[in-house]
Protein backbone atom coordinates (compact mmCIF):
# COMPACT_ATOMS: atom_id res chain seq x y z
CA MET A 1 2.47 -41.58 0.69
CA LEU A 2 4.95 -38.84 1.42
CA HIS A 3 4.13 -35.55 0.11
CA GLU A 4 7.42 -33.16 -0.60
CA PRO A 5 7.52 -29.52 -0.56
CA ALA A 6 6.44 -28.02 -4.32
CA VAL A 7 9.52 -25.68 -4.58
CA GLU A 8 12.69 -25.99 -2.95
CA ILE A 9 12.87 -23.30 -0.48
CA LYS A 10 15.73 -20.89 -0.36
CA THR A 11 16.78 -17.62 0.86
CA ASP A 12 15.43 -14.91 -0.46
CA LYS A 13 18.23 -12.22 -1.43
CA ALA A 14 15.84 -9.46 -1.97
CA ALA A 15 14.21 -9.69 1.10
CA ALA A 16 15.66 -6.49 2.70
CA LYS A 17 15.02 -4.21 -0.39
CA LYS A 18 11.48 -5.59 -0.31
CA ALA A 19 10.96 -4.75 3.73
CA LYS A 20 12.55 -1.32 3.35
CA LEU A 21 10.48 -0.41 0.24
CA GLY A 22 7.44 -1.83 2.44
CA VAL A 23 8.29 0.19 5.14
CA LYS A 24 8.27 3.19 2.99
CA MET A 25 4.94 2.54 1.52
CA PHE A 26 3.25 2.14 4.91
CA ILE A 27 4.91 5.42 5.64
CA ALA A 28 3.64 7.39 2.75
CA TYR A 29 0.08 5.64 3.29
CA THR A 30 -0.08 6.42 6.90
CA LEU A 31 0.55 10.12 6.03
CA VAL A 32 -2.15 10.49 3.65
CA TYR A 33 -4.03 8.64 6.39
CA ALA A 34 -3.29 11.14 8.69
CA GLY A 35 -4.32 14.14 6.63
CA PHE A 36 -7.90 12.41 6.75
CA VAL A 37 -7.34 11.86 10.14
CA PHE A 38 -6.47 15.51 10.68
CA ILE A 39 -8.70 17.25 8.31
CA GLY A 40 -12.11 15.26 10.53
CA LEU A 41 -10.31 16.52 14.03
CA SER A 42 -9.19 19.74 13.35
CA LYS A 43 -11.81 20.83 10.46
CA PRO A 44 -14.84 18.56 10.66
CA GLU A 45 -17.12 20.82 8.68
CA TRP A 46 -14.54 20.62 5.72
CA MET A 47 -15.77 16.81 5.57
CA GLY A 48 -19.22 17.94 4.65
CA LEU A 49 -18.14 19.93 1.66
CA GLU A 50 -19.56 18.81 -1.20
CA LEU A 51 -16.50 18.80 -4.26
CA ILE A 52 -17.12 16.04 -7.11
CA GLY A 53 -20.44 15.11 -8.21
CA LYS A 54 -22.06 16.53 -4.93
CA GLN A 55 -20.31 13.55 -2.76
CA ASN A 56 -18.50 15.28 0.09
CA ILE A 57 -14.95 15.18 1.00
CA ALA A 58 -15.30 12.60 3.63
CA ILE A 59 -16.66 9.89 0.68
CA ILE A 60 -14.05 11.45 -1.77
CA TYR A 61 -11.13 10.66 0.26
CA GLY A 62 -11.96 7.55 2.09
CA PHE A 63 -12.78 5.82 -1.09
CA GLY A 64 -9.77 7.38 -2.32
CA LEU A 65 -7.64 6.08 0.66
CA ILE A 66 -9.57 2.39 -0.18
CA VAL A 67 -8.23 2.90 -3.81
CA LEU A 68 -4.50 4.20 -2.84
CA ALA A 69 -4.09 0.93 -0.77
CA ILE A 70 -4.97 -1.43 -3.63
CA VAL A 71 -2.68 0.57 -6.09
CA MET A 72 0.18 0.58 -3.88
CA GLY A 73 -0.53 -3.40 -3.24
CA PHE A 74 -0.03 -3.74 -7.16
CA ILE A 75 2.82 -1.39 -7.21
CA TYR A 76 4.75 -2.99 -4.27
CA ASN A 77 3.60 -6.39 -5.71
CA TYR A 78 5.43 -5.20 -9.15
CA PHE A 79 8.85 -4.10 -7.88
CA CYS A 80 9.20 -6.64 -5.33
CA THR A 81 8.82 -9.53 -8.40
CA LYS A 82 11.22 -7.35 -10.37
CA MET A 83 13.69 -7.47 -7.34
CA GLU A 84 13.44 -11.14 -6.50
CA ASN A 85 13.80 -12.02 -10.42
CA LYS A 86 17.21 -9.79 -10.39
CA MET A 87 18.49 -10.86 -7.13
CA ASN A 88 17.48 -14.63 -7.04
CA LYS A 89 19.09 -15.76 -10.24
CA ASN A 90 20.89 -18.99 -9.79
């Protein structure tokens, strides 16, 4: 029994724009993460300061980085799908 591909593989005309968006988002996240590392290296005492609900900056910033990565993933998916639908029409 032969199995054929489930979908026909074609050239993705949106690939270049999706890659460009991915690089921009990677740079943005890297800068935010670099801020976390910079604070940890240069002013480690700041990481222990309580900010919201008696949680310290390290916890808030760390969870913020995780949430930011998830949100950026959804944003990337949304815009990539939009580009694919627009540019890959037959």
